Amino acid sequence: MVGKKLGEALESKGIGVEVDTTDVVKMQNNRGLNYYSSYKVSREVVTSALATNKDLNYIFDINRDSQRKDVTTISIDGKSYARLFFIIGTDHHNYEKT
């Protein structure tokens, strides 16, 4: 749902969007892979998307953290919100600038 909502918000601003709802956990389970292989499987999905759509400029891999709710949420004015983390890998040529 988060990816869909983000896509709708971006489209409402005139930004083209492609939302992929691949179930990475299901792919892992089908292959007999463990939790720690999720980034490897996710990379496969991203690599495929980039190969088939040359217009893609940014990729957001949205996933739920395995941490407990008290770590992954924050309360602002009495309302709970999910904490967002942007992870930029060291393979990205500008990772130090972010």
PDB file of N, CA and C in Angstrom:
ATOM      1  N   MET A   1       0.817  -1.197   0.000  1.00  0.00           N
ATOM      2  CA  MET A   1       0.000   0.000   0.000  1.00  0.00           C
ATOM      3  C   MET A   1       0.860   1.261   0.000  1.00  0.00           C
ATOM      4  N   VAL A   2       1.989   1.239   0.676  1.00  0.00           N
ATOM      5  CA  VAL A   2       2.827   2.433   0.755  1.00  0.00           C
ATOM      6  C   VAL A   2       3.343   2.807  -0.629  1.00  0.00           C
ATOM      7  N   GLY A   3       3.801   1.818  -1.380  1.00  0.00           N
ATOM      8  CA  GLY A   3       4.287   2.083  -2.731  1.00  0.00           C
ATOM      9  C   GLY A   3       3.199   2.640  -3.624  1.00  0.00           C
ATOM     10  N   LYS A   4       2.022   2.078  -3.520  1.00  0.00           N
ATOM     11  CA  LYS A   4       0.891   2.553  -4.315  1.00  0.00           C
ATOM     12  C   LYS A   4       0.555   3.996  -3.955  1.00  0.00           C
ATOM     13  N   LYS A   5       0.492   4.297  -2.664  1.00  0.00           N
ATOM     14  CA  LYS A   5       0.179   5.657  -2.204  1.00  0.00           C
ATOM     15  C   LYS A   5       1.255   6.648  -2.639  1.00  0.00           C
ATOM     16  N   LEU A   6       2.520   6.251  -2.543  1.00  0.00           N
ATOM     17  CA  LEU A   6       3.604   7.109  -2.983  1.00  0.00           C
ATOM     18  C   LEU A   6       3.488   7.364  -4.486  1.00  0.00           C
ATOM     19  N   GLY A   7       3.197   6.308  -5.242  1.00  0.00           N
ATOM     20  CA  GLY A   7       3.014   6.454  -6.680  1.00  0.00           C
ATOM     21  C   GLY A   7       1.892   7.418  -7.019  1.00  0.00           C
ATOM     22  N   GLU A   8       0.773   7.300  -6.325  1.00  0.00           N
ATOM     23  CA  GLU A   8      -0.370   8.198  -6.558  1.00  0.00           C
ATOM     24  C   GLU A   8       0.004   9.643  -6.229  1.00  0.00           C
ATOM     25  N   ALA A   9       0.724   9.843  -5.138  1.00  0.00           N
ATOM     26  CA  ALA A   9       1.127  11.201  -4.746  1.00  0.00           C
ATOM     27  C   ALA A   9       2.067  11.811  -5.780  1.00  0.00           C
ATOM     28  N   LEU A  10       3.011  11.018  -6.276  1.00  0.00           N
ATOM     29  CA  LEU A  10       3.934  11.522  -7.289  1.00  0.00           C
ATOM     30  C   LEU A  10       3.203  11.829  -8.595  1.00  0.00           C
ATOM     31  N   GLU A  11       2.316  10.924  -8.999  1.00  0.00           N
ATOM     32  CA  GLU A  11       1.550  11.155 -10.224  1.00  0.00           C
ATOM     33  C   GLU A  11       0.690  12.406 -10.122  1.00  0.00           C
ATOM     34  N   SER A  12       0.161  12.692  -8.939  1.00  0.00           N
ATOM     35  CA  SER A  12      -0.656  13.892  -8.758  1.00  0.00           C
ATOM     36  C   SER A  12       0.171  15.157  -8.941  1.00  0.00           C
ATOM     37  N   LYS A  13       1.485  15.024  -8.843  1.00  0.00           N
ATOM     38  CA  LYS A  13       2.409  16.153  -9.058  1.00  0.00           C
ATOM     39  C   LYS A  13       2.972  16.156 -10.477  1.00  0.00           C
ATOM     40  N   GLY A  14       2.453  15.256 -11.335  1.00  0.00           N
ATOM     41  CA  GLY A  14       2.908  15.202 -12.722  1.00  0.00           C
ATOM     42  C   GLY A  14       4.172  14.396 -12.939  1.00  0.00           C
ATOM     43  N   ILE A  15       4.546  13.601 -11.978  1.00  0.00           N
ATOM     44  CA  ILE A  15       5.753  12.777 -12.082  1.00  0.00           C
ATOM     45  C   ILE A  15       5.348  11.378 -12.511  1.00  0.00           C
ATOM     46  N   GLY A  16       5.916  10.901 -13.608  1.00  0.00           N
ATOM     47  CA  GLY A  16       5.624   9.554 -14.099  1.00  0.00           C
ATOM     48  C   GLY A  16       6.102   8.501 -13.116  1.00  0.00           C
ATOM     49  N   VAL A  17       5.330   7.442 -12.971  1.00  0.00           N
ATOM     50  CA  VAL A  17       5.603   6.425 -11.960  1.00  0.00           C
ATOM     51  C   VAL A  17       5.365   5.034 -12.520  1.00  0.00           C
ATOM     52  N   GLU A  18       6.181   4.110 -12.096  1.00  0.00           N
ATOM     53  CA  GLU A  18       5.936   2.682 -12.327  1.00  0.00           C
ATOM     54  C   GLU A  18       6.031   2.009 -10.971  1.00  0.00           C
ATOM     55  N   VAL A  19       4.930   1.451 -10.488  1.00  0.00           N
ATOM     56  CA  VAL A  19       4.908   0.795  -9.181  1.00  0.00           C
ATOM     57  C   VAL A  19       4.950  -0.714  -9.403  1.00  0.00           C
ATOM     58  N   ASP A  20       5.958  -1.347  -8.852  1.00  0.00           N
ATOM     59  CA  ASP A  20       6.115  -2.801  -8.943  1.00  0.00           C
ATOM     60  C   ASP A  20       5.736  -3.391  -7.594  1.00  0.00           C
ATOM     61  N   THR A  21       4.869  -4.375  -7.587  1.00  0.00           N
ATOM     62  CA  THR A  21       4.410  -4.970  -6.330  1.00  0.00           C
ATOM     63  C   THR A  21       4.914  -6.398  -6.148  1.00  0.00           C
ATOM     64  N   THR A  22       6.082  -6.673  -6.698  1.00  0.00           N
ATOM     65  CA  THR A  22       6.669  -8.001  -6.554  1.00  0.00           C
ATOM     66  C   THR A  22       6.801  -8.373  -5.082  1.00  0.00           C
ATOM     67  N   ASP A  23       6.388  -9.560  -4.737  1.00  0.00           N
ATOM     68  CA  ASP A  23       6.496 -10.059  -3.366  1.00  0.00           C
ATOM     69  C   ASP A  23       7.860 -10.740  -3.220  1.00  0.00           C
ATOM     70  N   VAL A  24       8.834  -9.986  -2.744  1.00  0.00           N
ATOM     71  CA  VAL A  24      10.203 -10.490  -2.617  1.00  0.00           C
ATOM     72  C   VAL A  24      10.277 -11.639  -1.617  1.00  0.00           C
ATOM     73  N   VAL A  25       9.522 -11.552  -0.529  1.00  0.00           N
ATOM     74  CA  VAL A  25       9.523 -12.636   0.470  1.00  0.00           C
ATOM     75  C   VAL A  25       9.014 -13.926  -0.161  1.00  0.00           C
ATOM     76  N   LYS A  26       7.982 -13.820  -0.964  1.00  0.00           N
ATOM     77  CA  LYS A  26       7.449 -15.008  -1.640  1.00  0.00           C
ATOM     78  C   LYS A  26       8.505 -15.594  -2.588  1.00  0.00           C
ATOM     79  N   MET A  27       9.214 -14.710  -3.304  1.00  0.00           N
ATOM     80  CA  MET A  27      10.283 -15.187  -4.189  1.00  0.00           C
ATOM     81  C   MET A  27      11.356 -15.922  -3.387  1.00  0.00           C
ATOM     82  N   GLN A  28      11.725 -15.363  -2.235  1.00  0.00           N
ATOM     83  CA  GLN A  28      12.718 -16.004  -1.383  1.00  0.00           C
ATOM     84  C   GLN A  28      12.233 -17.379  -0.931  1.00  0.00           C
ATOM     85  N   ASN A  29      11.006 -17.415  -0.457  1.00  0.00           N
ATOM     86  CA  ASN A  29      10.451 -18.682   0.026  1.00  0.00           C
ATOM     87  C   ASN A  29      10.391 -19.723  -1.079  1.00  0.00           C
ATOM     88  N   ASN A  30       9.992 -19.319  -2.285  1.00  0.00           N
ATOM     89  CA  ASN A  30       9.918 -20.246  -3.414  1.00  0.00           C
ATOM     90  C   ASN A  30      11.287 -20.819  -3.769  1.00  0.00           C
ATOM     91  N   ARG A  31      12.331 -20.060  -3.493  1.00  0.00           N
ATOM     92  CA  ARG A  31      13.698 -20.502  -3.805  1.00  0.00           C
ATOM     93  C   ARG A  31      14.386 -21.140  -2.603  1.00  0.00           C
ATOM     94  N   GLY A  32      13.712 -21.140  -1.467  1.00  0.00           N
ATOM     95  CA  GLY A  32      14.319 -21.708  -0.264  1.00  0.00           C
ATOM     96  C   GLY A  32      15.405 -20.817   0.320  1.00  0.00           C
ATOM     97  N   LEU A  33      15.320 -19.517   0.083  1.00  0.00           N
ATOM     98  CA  LEU A  33      16.321 -18.579   0.582  1.00  0.00           C
ATOM     99  C   LEU A  33      15.908 -18.019   1.938  1.00  0.00           C
ATOM    100  N   ASN A  34      16.883 -17.551   2.704  1.00  0.00           N
ATOM    101  CA  ASN A  34      16.590 -17.016   4.027  1.00  0.00           C
ATOM    102  C   ASN A  34      16.348 -15.504   3.975  1.00  0.00           C
ATOM    103  N   TYR A  35      15.991 -14.951   5.129  1.00  0.00           N
ATOM    104  CA  TYR A  35      15.686 -13.521   5.279  1.00  0.00           C
ATOM    105  C   TYR A  35      16.820 -12.635   4.775  1.00  0.00           C
ATOM    106  N   TYR A  36      18.044 -13.040   5.021  1.00  0.00           N
ATOM    107  CA  TYR A  36      19.206 -12.216   4.702  1.00  0.00           C
ATOM    108  C   TYR A  36      19.473 -12.099   3.202  1.00  0.00           C
ATOM    109  N   SER A  37      18.767 -12.852   2.392  1.00  0.00           N
ATOM    110  CA  SER A  37      18.937 -12.758   0.939  1.00  0.00           C
ATOM    111  C   SER A  37      17.959 -11.766   0.316  1.00  0.00           C
ATOM    112  N   SER A  38      17.191 -11.057   1.136  1.00  0.00           N
ATOM    113  CA  SER A  38      16.162 -10.164   0.603  1.00  0.00           C
ATOM    114  C   SER A  38      16.745  -9.075  -0.292  1.00  0.00           C
ATOM    115  N   TYR A  39      17.887  -8.506   0.065  1.00  0.00           N
ATOM    116  CA  TYR A  39      18.473  -7.466  -0.781  1.00  0.00           C
ATOM    117  C   TYR A  39      18.950  -8.036  -2.110  1.00  0.00           C
ATOM    118  N   LYS A  40      19.451  -9.247  -2.091  1.00  0.00           N
ATOM    119  CA  LYS A  40      19.886  -9.889  -3.334  1.00  0.00           C
ATOM    120  C   LYS A  40      18.695 -10.079  -4.271  1.00  0.00           C
ATOM    121  N   VAL A  41      17.595 -10.586  -3.739  1.00  0.00           N
ATOM    122  CA  VAL A  41      16.396 -10.816  -4.555  1.00  0.00           C
ATOM    123  C   VAL A  41      15.811  -9.479  -5.007  1.00  0.00           C
ATOM    124  N   SER A  42      15.783  -8.513  -4.121  1.00  0.00           N
ATOM    125  CA  SER A  42      15.278  -7.185  -4.468  1.00  0.00           C
ATOM    126  C   SER A  42      16.112  -6.569  -5.588  1.00  0.00           C
ATOM    127  N   ARG A  43      17.413  -6.752  -5.530  1.00  0.00           N
ATOM    128  CA  ARG A  43      18.300  -6.238  -6.585  1.00  0.00           C
ATOM    129  C   ARG A  43      17.935  -6.843  -7.941  1.00  0.00           C
ATOM    130  N   GLU A  44      17.573  -8.106  -7.960  1.00  0.00           N
ATOM    131  CA  GLU A  44      17.164  -8.745  -9.210  1.00  0.00           C
ATOM    132  C   GLU A  44      15.941  -8.043  -9.805  1.00  0.00           C
ATOM    133  N   VAL A  45      14.976  -7.717  -8.954  1.00  0.00           N
ATOM    134  CA  VAL A  45      13.758  -7.036  -9.406  1.00  0.00           C
ATOM    135  C   VAL A  45      14.107  -5.655  -9.962  1.00  0.00           C
ATOM    136  N   VAL A  46      14.948  -4.927  -9.249  1.00  0.00           N
ATOM    137  CA  VAL A  46      15.353  -3.585  -9.676  1.00  0.00           C
ATOM    138  C   VAL A  46      16.142  -3.650 -10.983  1.00  0.00           C
ATOM    139  N   THR A  47      17.078  -4.576 -11.079  1.00  0.00           N
ATOM    140  CA  THR A  47      17.889  -4.727 -12.282  1.00  0.00           C
ATOM    141  C   THR A  47      17.013  -5.018 -13.491  1.00  0.00           C
ATOM    142  N   SER A  48      16.033  -5.872 -13.309  1.00  0.00           N
ATOM    143  CA  SER A  48      15.100  -6.195 -14.390  1.00  0.00           C
ATOM    144  C   SER A  48      14.289  -4.969 -14.807  1.00  0.00           C
ATOM    145  N   ALA A  49      13.813  -4.204 -13.826  1.00  0.00           N
ATOM    146  CA  ALA A  49      13.032  -2.998 -14.132  1.00  0.00           C
ATOM    147  C   ALA A  49      13.867  -1.998 -14.909  1.00  0.00           C
ATOM    148  N   LEU A  50      15.105  -1.809 -14.511  1.00  0.00           N
ATOM    149  CA  LEU A  50      15.987  -0.867 -15.204  1.00  0.00           C
ATOM    150  C   LEU A  50      16.308  -1.330 -16.620  1.00  0.00           C
ATOM    151  N   ALA A  51      16.408  -2.637 -16.812  1.00  0.00           N
ATOM    152  CA  ALA A  51      16.712  -3.182 -18.137  1.00  0.00           C
ATOM    153  C   ALA A  51      15.536  -3.047 -19.097  1.00  0.00           C
ATOM    154  N   THR A  52      14.325  -3.064 -18.556  1.00  0.00           N
ATOM    155  CA  THR A  52      13.142  -3.030 -19.427  1.00  0.00           C
ATOM    156  C   THR A  52      12.535  -1.643 -19.571  1.00  0.00           C
ATOM    157  N   ASN A  53      12.974  -0.679 -18.754  1.00  0.00           N
ATOM    158  CA  ASN A  53      12.419   0.674 -18.840  1.00  0.00           C
ATOM    159  C   ASN A  53      13.550   1.677 -18.675  1.00  0.00           C
ATOM    160  N   LYS A  54      14.044   2.173 -19.797  1.00  0.00           N
ATOM    161  CA  LYS A  54      15.175   3.114 -19.788  1.00  0.00           C
ATOM    162  C   LYS A  54      14.792   4.500 -19.268  1.00  0.00           C
ATOM    163  N   ASP A  55      13.497   4.768 -19.061  1.00  0.00           N
ATOM    164  CA  ASP A  55      13.047   6.061 -18.562  1.00  0.00           C
ATOM    165  C   ASP A  55      13.101   6.167 -17.044  1.00  0.00           C
ATOM    166  N   LEU A  56      13.417   5.083 -16.367  1.00  0.00           N
ATOM    167  CA  LEU A  56      13.471   5.122 -14.903  1.00  0.00           C
ATOM    168  C   LEU A  56      14.692   5.917 -14.444  1.00  0.00           C
ATOM    169  N   ASN A  57      14.457   6.875 -13.561  1.00  0.00           N
ATOM    170  CA  ASN A  57      15.541   7.695 -13.031  1.00  0.00           C
ATOM    171  C   ASN A  57      15.830   7.407 -11.564  1.00  0.00           C
ATOM    172  N   TYR A  58      14.796   7.076 -10.802  1.00  0.00           N
ATOM    173  CA  TYR A  58      14.939   6.836  -9.370  1.00  0.00           C
ATOM    174  C   TYR A  58      14.216   5.557  -9.000  1.00  0.00           C
ATOM    175  N   ILE A  59      14.797   4.821  -8.076  1.00  0.00           N
ATOM    176  CA  ILE A  59      14.210   3.575  -7.588  1.00  0.00           C
ATOM    177  C   ILE A  59      14.028   3.705  -6.076  1.00  0.00           C
ATOM    178  N   PHE A  60      12.820   3.424  -5.607  1.00  0.00           N
ATOM    179  CA  PHE A  60      12.548   3.368  -4.168  1.00  0.00           C
ATOM    180  C   PHE A  60      12.172   1.930  -3.839  1.00  0.00           C
ATOM    181  N   ASP A  61      12.965   1.285  -3.043  1.00  0.00           N
ATOM    182  CA  ASP A  61      12.681  -0.076  -2.604  1.00  0.00           C
ATOM    183  C   ASP A  61      12.076   0.042  -1.211  1.00  0.00           C
ATOM    184  N   ILE A  62      10.775  -0.037  -1.142  1.00  0.00           N
ATOM    185  CA  ILE A  62      10.066   0.163   0.119  1.00  0.00           C
ATOM    186  C   ILE A  62       9.817  -1.192   0.764  1.00  0.00           C
ATOM    187  N   ASN A  63      10.246  -1.319   2.002  1.00  0.00           N
ATOM    188  CA  ASN A  63      10.015  -2.578   2.705  1.00  0.00           C
ATOM    189  C   ASN A  63       9.858  -2.320   4.187  1.00  0.00           C
ATOM    190  N   ARG A  64       9.278  -3.275   4.834  1.00  0.00           N
ATOM    191  CA  ARG A  64       9.038  -3.199   6.274  1.00  0.00           C
ATOM    192  C   ARG A  64      10.264  -3.719   7.002  1.00  0.00           C
ATOM    193  N   ASP A  65      10.667  -3.001   8.022  1.00  0.00           N
ATOM    194  CA  ASP A  65      11.818  -3.402   8.813  1.00  0.00           C
ATOM    195  C   ASP A  65      11.416  -4.525   9.757  1.00  0.00           C
ATOM    196  N   SER A  66      12.389  -5.306  10.162  1.00  0.00           N
ATOM    197  CA  SER A  66      12.108  -6.413  11.085  1.00  0.00           C
ATOM    198  C   SER A  66      12.150  -5.968  12.547  1.00  0.00           C
ATOM    199  N   GLN A  67      12.401  -4.693  12.772  1.00  0.00           N
ATOM    200  CA  GLN A  67      12.452  -4.182  14.144  1.00  0.00           C
ATOM    201  C   GLN A  67      11.045  -4.080  14.730  1.00  0.00           C
ATOM    202  N   ARG A  68      10.980  -3.944  16.049  1.00  0.00           N
ATOM    203  CA  ARG A  68       9.700  -3.809  16.743  1.00  0.00           C
ATOM    204  C   ARG A  68       9.107  -2.428  16.499  1.00  0.00           C
ATOM    205  N   LYS A  69       7.817  -2.311  16.705  1.00  0.00           N
ATOM    206  CA  LYS A  69       7.082  -1.073  16.441  1.00  0.00           C
ATOM    207  C   LYS A  69       7.661   0.120  17.200  1.00  0.00           C
ATOM    208  N   ASP A  70       8.121  -0.092  18.440  1.00  0.00           N
ATOM    209  CA  ASP A  70       8.649   1.040  19.208  1.00  0.00           C
ATOM    210  C   ASP A  70       9.914   1.628  18.586  1.00  0.00           C
ATOM    211  N   VAL A  71      10.589   0.861  17.736  1.00  0.00           N
ATOM    212  CA  VAL A  71      11.780   1.338  17.039  1.00  0.00           C
ATOM    213  C   VAL A  71      11.408   1.948  15.685  1.00  0.00           C
ATOM    214  N   THR A  72      10.388   1.411  15.043  1.00  0.00           N
ATOM    215  CA  THR A  72      10.064   1.804  13.668  1.00  0.00           C
ATOM    216  C   THR A  72       9.002   2.888  13.556  1.00  0.00           C
ATOM    217  N   THR A  73       8.469   3.348  14.679  1.00  0.00           N
ATOM    218  CA  THR A  73       7.461   4.407  14.632  1.00  0.00           C
ATOM    219  C   THR A  73       7.874   5.574  15.521  1.00  0.00           C
ATOM    220  N   ILE A  74       7.276   6.695  15.249  1.00  0.00           N
ATOM    221  CA  ILE A  74       7.498   7.900  16.044  1.00  0.00           C
ATOM    222  C   ILE A  74       6.146   8.561  16.275  1.00  0.00           C
ATOM    223  N   SER A  75       5.984   9.190  17.407  1.00  0.00           N
ATOM    224  CA  SER A  75       4.731   9.872  17.720  1.00  0.00           C
ATOM    225  C   SER A  75       4.936  11.377  17.587  1.00  0.00           C
ATOM    226  N   ILE A  76       4.090  12.010  16.786  1.00  0.00           N
ATOM    227  CA  ILE A  76       4.129  13.458  16.604  1.00  0.00           C
ATOM    228  C   ILE A  76       2.735  13.978  16.905  1.00  0.00           C
ATOM    229  N   ASP A  77       2.647  14.835  17.906  1.00  0.00           N
ATOM    230  CA  ASP A  77       1.358  15.378  18.333  1.00  0.00           C
ATOM    231  C   ASP A  77       0.333  14.279  18.604  1.00  0.00           C
ATOM    232  N   GLY A  78       0.801  13.200  19.222  1.00  0.00           N
ATOM    233  CA  GLY A  78      -0.089  12.119  19.604  1.00  0.00           C
ATOM    234  C   GLY A  78      -0.479  11.157  18.488  1.00  0.00           C
ATOM    235  N   LYS A  79       0.060  11.344  17.299  1.00  0.00           N
ATOM    236  CA  LYS A  79      -0.265  10.466  16.181  1.00  0.00           C
ATOM    237  C   LYS A  79       0.990   9.684  15.783  1.00  0.00           C
ATOM    238  N   SER A  80       0.824   8.370  15.565  1.00  0.00           N
ATOM    239  CA  SER A  80       1.962   7.520  15.205  1.00  0.00           C
ATOM    240  C   SER A  80       2.253   7.584  13.713  1.00  0.00           C
ATOM    241  N   TYR A  81       3.541   7.648  13.386  1.00  0.00           N
ATOM    242  CA  TYR A  81       4.006   7.648  12.005  1.00  0.00           C
ATOM    243  C   TYR A  81       5.147   6.657  11.871  1.00  0.00           C
ATOM    244  N   ALA A  82       5.265   6.067  10.694  1.00  0.00           N
ATOM    245  CA  ALA A  82       6.391   5.185  10.429  1.00  0.00           C
ATOM    246  C   ALA A  82       7.648   6.027  10.254  1.00  0.00           C
ATOM    247  N   ARG A  83       8.742   5.525  10.781  1.00  0.00           N
ATOM    248  CA  ARG A  83      10.032   6.181  10.544  1.00  0.00           C
ATOM    249  C   ARG A  83      10.520   5.749   9.164  1.00  0.00           C
ATOM    250  N   LEU A  84      11.104   6.665   8.450  1.00  0.00           N
ATOM    251  CA  LEU A  84      11.637   6.364   7.128  1.00  0.00           C
ATOM    252  C   LEU A  84      13.155   6.388   7.176  1.00  0.00           C
ATOM    253  N   PHE A  85      13.742   5.426   6.524  1.00  0.00           N
ATOM    254  CA  PHE A  85      15.187   5.364   6.415  1.00  0.00           C
ATOM    255  C   PHE A  85      15.546   5.281   4.942  1.00  0.00           C
ATOM    256  N   PHE A  86      16.474   6.107   4.522  1.00  0.00           N
ATOM    257  CA  PHE A  86      16.973   6.050   3.160  1.00  0.00           C
ATOM    258  C   PHE A  86      18.358   5.432   3.212  1.00  0.00           C
ATOM    259  N   ILE A  87      18.492   4.273   2.606  1.00  0.00           N
ATOM    260  CA  ILE A  87      19.753   3.548   2.599  1.00  0.00           C
ATOM    261  C   ILE A  87      20.366   3.717   1.216  1.00  0.00           C
ATOM    262  N   ILE A  88      21.561   4.272   1.170  1.00  0.00           N
ATOM    263  CA  ILE A  88      22.248   4.471  -0.102  1.00  0.00           C
ATOM    264  C   ILE A  88      23.519   3.644  -0.044  1.00  0.00           C
ATOM    265  N   GLY A  89      23.596   2.666  -0.925  1.00  0.00           N
ATOM    266  CA  GLY A  89      24.723   1.745  -0.916  1.00  0.00           C
ATOM    267  C   GLY A  89      26.012   2.382  -1.382  1.00  0.00           C
ATOM    268  N   THR A  90      27.113   1.850  -0.928  1.00  0.00           N
ATOM    269  CA  THR A  90      28.424   2.377  -1.299  1.00  0.00           C
ATOM    270  C   THR A  90      28.767   2.114  -2.761  1.00  0.00           C
ATOM    271  N   ASP A  91      27.978   1.295  -3.452  1.00  0.00           N
ATOM    272  CA  ASP A  91      28.201   1.085  -4.885  1.00  0.00           C
ATOM    273  C   ASP A  91      27.746   2.302  -5.691  1.00  0.00           C
ATOM    274  N   HIS A  92      26.913   3.155  -5.100  1.00  0.00           N
ATOM    275  CA  HIS A  92      26.448   4.359  -5.790  1.00  0.00           C
ATOM    276  C   HIS A  92      27.607   5.352  -5.839  1.00  0.00           C
ATOM    277  N   HIS A  93      27.903   5.898  -7.027  1.00  0.00           N
ATOM    278  CA  HIS A  93      29.088   6.746  -7.187  1.00  0.00           C
ATOM    279  C   HIS A  93      29.038   8.029  -6.365  1.00  0.00           C
ATOM    280  N   ASN A  94      27.883   8.494  -5.958  1.00  0.00           N
ATOM    281  CA  ASN A  94      27.771   9.711  -5.158  1.00  0.00           C
ATOM    282  C   ASN A  94      27.326   9.440  -3.719  1.00  0.00           C
ATOM    283  N   TYR A  95      27.530   8.249  -3.223  1.00  0.00           N
ATOM    284  CA  TYR A  95      26.992   7.909  -1.906  1.00  0.00           C
ATOM    285  C   TYR A  95      27.505   8.823  -0.793  1.00  0.00           C
ATOM    286  N   GLU A  96      28.725   9.336  -0.908  1.00  0.00           N
ATOM    287  CA  GLU A  96      29.275  10.192   0.141  1.00  0.00           C
ATOM    288  C   GLU A  96      28.631  11.581   0.166  1.00  0.00           C
ATOM    289  N   LYS A  97      27.992  11.988  -0.913  1.00  0.00           N
ATOM    290  CA  LYS A  97      27.387  13.321  -1.006  1.00  0.00           C
ATOM    291  C   LYS A  97      25.995  13.358  -0.421  1.00  0.00           C
ATOM    292  N   THR A  98      25.412  12.214  -0.113  1.00  0.00           N
ATOM    293  CA  THR A  98      24.017  12.188   0.352  1.00  0.00           C
ATOM    294  C   THR A  98      23.907  12.328   1.838  1.00  0.00           C
TER     295      THR A  98
END
